[in-house]
Amino acid sequence: MQKTEAVGRPVLIKEGIDFFAPLGFIRNGDFLYGIRSQIKLNVFVAELDAETLTGKGAPQLVSTRFPDWNLDPSWSPNGKHLAYNSRN
């Protein structure tokens, strides 16, 4: 196993995140992740630039069926389907 070291200081990207779930990379290089906070539980998708690892455009809400109660997103291995839990 290769040993790695941190480069630079940590930077806060967004406040209020209680849980961060890396979902992995899909074939086109996009990195997918989920976040959870106590205030609202929603699932969003956004395009990611694979070279700069920055977002392209605004994240899009996946569902409005159960507002603020959609969580635990998971992509299919081919990146074509997204499953998530909803609570009402």
N, C-alpha and C. Protein backbone atom coordinates (compact mmCIF):
# COMPACT_ATOMS: atom_id res chain seq x y z
N MET A 1 0.85 -1.18 0.00
CA MET A 1 0.00 0.00 0.00
C MET A 1 0.90 1.24 0.00
N GLN A 2 0.56 2.19 -0.87
CA GLN A 2 1.33 3.42 -0.96
C GLN A 2 0.93 4.37 0.16
N LYS A 3 1.93 4.97 0.79
CA LYS A 3 1.68 5.92 1.87
C LYS A 3 1.51 7.31 1.25
N THR A 4 0.48 8.04 1.70
CA THR A 4 0.23 9.38 1.18
C THR A 4 0.18 10.37 2.34
N GLU A 5 0.40 11.62 2.01
CA GLU A 5 0.34 12.69 3.00
C GLU A 5 -0.57 13.80 2.49
N ALA A 6 -1.20 14.49 3.42
CA ALA A 6 -2.05 15.62 3.06
C ALA A 6 -1.20 16.75 2.49
N VAL A 7 -1.78 17.47 1.55
CA VAL A 7 -1.12 18.62 0.95
C VAL A 7 -1.97 19.84 1.27
N GLY A 8 -1.44 20.79 2.00
CA GLY A 8 -2.17 21.99 2.36
C GLY A 8 -3.10 21.78 3.53
N ARG A 9 -3.81 22.84 3.89
CA ARG A 9 -4.74 22.80 5.02
C ARG A 9 -6.14 22.43 4.55
N PRO A 10 -6.94 21.79 5.41
CA PRO A 10 -8.33 21.50 5.04
C PRO A 10 -9.12 22.79 4.81
N VAL A 11 -10.09 22.72 3.90
CA VAL A 11 -10.92 23.88 3.59
C VAL A 11 -12.39 23.47 3.72
N LEU A 12 -13.16 24.26 4.47
CA LEU A 12 -14.59 24.01 4.61
C LEU A 12 -15.28 24.36 3.30
N ILE A 13 -15.97 23.40 2.71
CA ILE A 13 -16.66 23.63 1.45
C ILE A 13 -18.08 24.08 1.68
N LYS A 14 -18.76 23.47 2.65
CA LYS A 14 -20.15 23.82 2.93
C LYS A 14 -20.45 23.54 4.39
N GLU A 15 -21.14 24.47 5.06
CA GLU A 15 -21.52 24.29 6.45
C GLU A 15 -22.80 23.48 6.56
N GLY A 16 -23.01 22.85 7.71
CA GLY A 16 -24.27 22.18 7.99
C GLY A 16 -24.39 20.78 7.45
N ILE A 17 -23.31 20.18 7.00
CA ILE A 17 -23.35 18.81 6.51
C ILE A 17 -23.03 17.88 7.67
N ASP A 18 -23.97 17.00 7.98
CA ASP A 18 -23.76 16.06 9.06
C ASP A 18 -23.15 14.75 8.57
N PHE A 19 -23.34 14.45 7.29
CA PHE A 19 -22.89 13.17 6.76
C PHE A 19 -22.52 13.35 5.30
N PHE A 20 -21.37 12.83 4.90
CA PHE A 20 -20.90 12.86 3.52
C PHE A 20 -20.67 11.42 3.08
N ALA A 21 -21.29 11.02 1.99
CA ALA A 21 -21.15 9.64 1.51
C ALA A 21 -20.58 9.63 0.10
N PRO A 22 -19.29 9.31 -0.06
CA PRO A 22 -18.76 9.18 -1.42
C PRO A 22 -19.39 7.98 -2.10
N LEU A 23 -19.92 8.18 -3.31
CA LEU A 23 -20.56 7.10 -4.05
C LEU A 23 -19.66 6.54 -5.13
N GLY A 24 -18.58 7.25 -5.46
CA GLY A 24 -17.60 6.75 -6.42
C GLY A 24 -17.65 7.47 -7.75
N PHE A 25 -16.81 6.99 -8.66
CA PHE A 25 -16.70 7.54 -10.00
C PHE A 25 -17.52 6.69 -10.97
N ILE A 26 -18.09 7.33 -11.99
CA ILE A 26 -18.75 6.59 -13.05
C ILE A 26 -17.87 6.66 -14.29
N ARG A 27 -18.24 5.94 -15.32
CA ARG A 27 -17.36 5.76 -16.49
C ARG A 27 -16.89 7.05 -17.15
N ASN A 28 -17.71 8.09 -17.13
CA ASN A 28 -17.29 9.34 -17.79
C ASN A 28 -16.39 10.19 -16.90
N GLY A 29 -16.06 9.69 -15.70
CA GLY A 29 -15.15 10.40 -14.81
C GLY A 29 -15.83 11.24 -13.75
N ASP A 30 -17.16 11.36 -13.79
CA ASP A 30 -17.86 12.15 -12.77
C ASP A 30 -17.75 11.46 -11.42
N PHE A 31 -17.52 12.25 -10.36
CA PHE A 31 -17.49 11.74 -8.99
C PHE A 31 -18.84 12.03 -8.36
N LEU A 32 -19.46 11.03 -7.79
CA LEU A 32 -20.79 11.17 -7.21
C LEU A 32 -20.69 11.07 -5.69
N TYR A 33 -21.49 11.88 -5.01
CA TYR A 33 -21.50 11.83 -3.55
C TYR A 33 -22.86 12.25 -3.03
N GLY A 34 -23.12 11.89 -1.80
CA GLY A 34 -24.35 12.29 -1.14
C GLY A 34 -24.02 13.03 0.14
N ILE A 35 -24.90 13.93 0.54
CA ILE A 35 -24.73 14.64 1.81
C ILE A 35 -26.04 14.56 2.58
N ARG A 36 -25.93 14.69 3.90
CA ARG A 36 -27.12 14.65 4.74
C ARG A 36 -26.98 15.72 5.81
N SER A 37 -28.06 16.41 6.08
CA SER A 37 -28.10 17.40 7.16
C SER A 37 -29.37 17.18 7.96
N GLN A 38 -29.46 17.77 9.13
CA GLN A 38 -30.63 17.59 9.97
C GLN A 38 -31.82 18.41 9.49
N ILE A 39 -31.58 19.44 8.70
CA ILE A 39 -32.66 20.33 8.31
C ILE A 39 -33.51 19.73 7.19
N LYS A 40 -32.89 19.33 6.11
CA LYS A 40 -33.62 18.80 4.96
C LYS A 40 -32.85 17.62 4.39
N LEU A 41 -33.58 16.65 3.88
CA LEU A 41 -32.98 15.47 3.26
C LEU A 41 -33.44 15.42 1.82
N ASN A 42 -32.60 15.86 0.91
CA ASN A 42 -32.93 15.87 -0.51
C ASN A 42 -31.79 15.26 -1.31
N VAL A 43 -32.12 14.77 -2.47
CA VAL A 43 -31.13 14.19 -3.37
C VAL A 43 -31.00 15.10 -4.59
N PHE A 44 -29.78 15.47 -4.90
CA PHE A 44 -29.48 16.32 -6.05
C PHE A 44 -28.48 15.61 -6.94
N VAL A 45 -28.46 15.96 -8.21
CA VAL A 45 -27.42 15.53 -9.13
C VAL A 45 -26.82 16.78 -9.76
N ALA A 46 -25.53 16.70 -10.05
CA ALA A 46 -24.85 17.81 -10.70
C ALA A 46 -23.71 17.27 -11.55
N GLU A 47 -23.39 17.97 -12.59
CA GLU A 47 -22.27 17.57 -13.45
C GLU A 47 -20.97 18.06 -12.82
N LEU A 48 -19.94 17.23 -12.92
CA LEU A 48 -18.64 17.54 -12.34
C LEU A 48 -17.59 17.50 -13.43
N ASP A 49 -16.73 18.52 -13.47
CA ASP A 49 -15.61 18.54 -14.40
C ASP A 49 -14.56 17.57 -13.88
N ALA A 50 -14.28 16.52 -14.62
CA ALA A 50 -13.35 15.48 -14.17
C ALA A 50 -11.92 15.98 -14.02
N GLU A 51 -11.53 16.99 -14.77
CA GLU A 51 -10.16 17.50 -14.68
C GLU A 51 -9.96 18.43 -13.49
N THR A 52 -10.91 19.32 -13.24
CA THR A 52 -10.75 20.31 -12.17
C THR A 52 -11.48 19.92 -10.89
N LEU A 53 -12.33 18.88 -10.97
CA LEU A 53 -13.15 18.43 -9.84
C LEU A 53 -14.02 19.56 -9.29
N THR A 54 -14.52 20.39 -10.20
CA THR A 54 -15.45 21.45 -9.81
C THR A 54 -16.79 21.22 -10.51
N GLY A 55 -17.84 21.72 -9.89
CA GLY A 55 -19.17 21.55 -10.44
C GLY A 55 -19.39 22.39 -11.67
N LYS A 56 -20.20 21.87 -12.59
CA LYS A 56 -20.61 22.60 -13.79
C LYS A 56 -22.10 22.87 -13.66
N GLY A 57 -22.49 24.10 -13.46
CA GLY A 57 -23.90 24.43 -13.32
C GLY A 57 -24.42 24.12 -11.94
N ALA A 58 -25.70 24.39 -11.76
CA ALA A 58 -26.33 24.22 -10.46
C ALA A 58 -26.81 22.77 -10.27
N PRO A 59 -26.73 22.24 -9.05
CA PRO A 59 -27.29 20.92 -8.77
C PRO A 59 -28.79 20.90 -9.03
N GLN A 60 -29.30 19.77 -9.50
CA GLN A 60 -30.72 19.63 -9.81
C GLN A 60 -31.38 18.67 -8.82
N LEU A 61 -32.50 19.08 -8.25
CA LEU A 61 -33.26 18.26 -7.32
C LEU A 61 -33.81 17.04 -8.06
N VAL A 62 -33.63 15.84 -7.50
CA VAL A 62 -34.05 14.61 -8.17
C VAL A 62 -35.56 14.40 -8.08
N SER A 63 -36.16 14.67 -6.93
CA SER A 63 -37.59 14.40 -6.76
C SER A 63 -38.25 15.44 -5.87
N THR A 64 -39.51 15.74 -6.17
CA THR A 64 -40.30 16.63 -5.32
C THR A 64 -41.46 15.87 -4.66
N ARG A 65 -41.46 14.55 -4.79
CA ARG A 65 -42.57 13.75 -4.28
C ARG A 65 -42.70 13.81 -2.76
N PHE A 66 -41.61 13.64 -2.03
CA PHE A 66 -41.60 13.76 -0.57
C PHE A 66 -40.59 14.85 -0.21
N PRO A 67 -40.97 16.11 -0.29
CA PRO A 67 -40.01 17.19 -0.06
C PRO A 67 -39.28 17.05 1.27
N ASP A 68 -37.97 17.20 1.21
CA ASP A 68 -37.08 17.18 2.37
C ASP A 68 -36.97 15.83 3.06
N TRP A 69 -37.43 14.75 2.42
CA TRP A 69 -37.34 13.41 3.01
C TRP A 69 -36.83 12.37 2.03
N ASN A 70 -35.94 12.74 1.14
CA ASN A 70 -35.33 11.81 0.19
C ASN A 70 -33.84 11.71 0.53
N LEU A 71 -33.34 10.49 0.66
CA LEU A 71 -31.97 10.31 1.14
C LEU A 71 -31.36 9.02 0.62
N ASP A 72 -30.10 8.81 0.96
CA ASP A 72 -29.33 7.59 0.65
C ASP A 72 -29.27 7.27 -0.84
N PRO A 73 -28.84 8.21 -1.68
CA PRO A 73 -28.77 7.92 -3.11
C PRO A 73 -27.66 6.90 -3.43
N SER A 74 -27.89 6.12 -4.46
CA SER A 74 -26.90 5.15 -4.93
C SER A 74 -27.08 4.95 -6.43
N TRP A 75 -25.98 5.11 -7.18
CA TRP A 75 -26.02 4.93 -8.63
C TRP A 75 -25.82 3.46 -8.99
N SER A 76 -26.44 3.05 -10.08
CA SER A 76 -26.19 1.71 -10.62
C SER A 76 -24.75 1.68 -11.14
N PRO A 77 -24.14 0.49 -11.26
CA PRO A 77 -22.75 0.40 -11.73
C PRO A 77 -22.49 1.09 -13.06
N ASN A 78 -23.48 1.13 -13.96
CA ASN A 78 -23.26 1.79 -15.26
C ASN A 78 -23.57 3.28 -15.22
N GLY A 79 -24.02 3.80 -14.06
CA GLY A 79 -24.29 5.23 -13.93
C GLY A 79 -25.57 5.70 -14.60
N LYS A 80 -26.44 4.78 -15.03
CA LYS A 80 -27.65 5.17 -15.74
C LYS A 80 -28.87 5.31 -14.84
N HIS A 81 -28.85 4.67 -13.67
CA HIS A 81 -30.01 4.66 -12.79
C HIS A 81 -29.61 5.11 -11.39
N LEU A 82 -30.49 5.87 -10.75
CA LEU A 82 -30.25 6.36 -9.39
C LEU A 82 -31.37 5.85 -8.49
N ALA A 83 -31.00 5.19 -7.41
CA ALA A 83 -31.99 4.75 -6.42
C ALA A 83 -31.80 5.59 -5.16
N TYR A 84 -32.89 5.84 -4.43
CA TYR A 84 -32.81 6.58 -3.19
C TYR A 84 -34.02 6.21 -2.32
N ASN A 85 -33.89 6.46 -1.04
CA ASN A 85 -34.99 6.19 -0.10
C ASN A 85 -35.82 7.45 0.08
N SER A 86 -37.13 7.27 0.24
CA SER A 86 -38.03 8.39 0.53
C SER A 86 -38.81 8.06 1.80
N ARG A 87 -39.00 9.07 2.61
CA ARG A 87 -39.80 8.92 3.83
C ARG A 87 -40.87 9.98 3.82
N ASN A 88 -42.03 9.69 4.35
CA ASN A 88 -43.07 10.71 4.42
C ASN A 88 -43.60 10.83 5.83
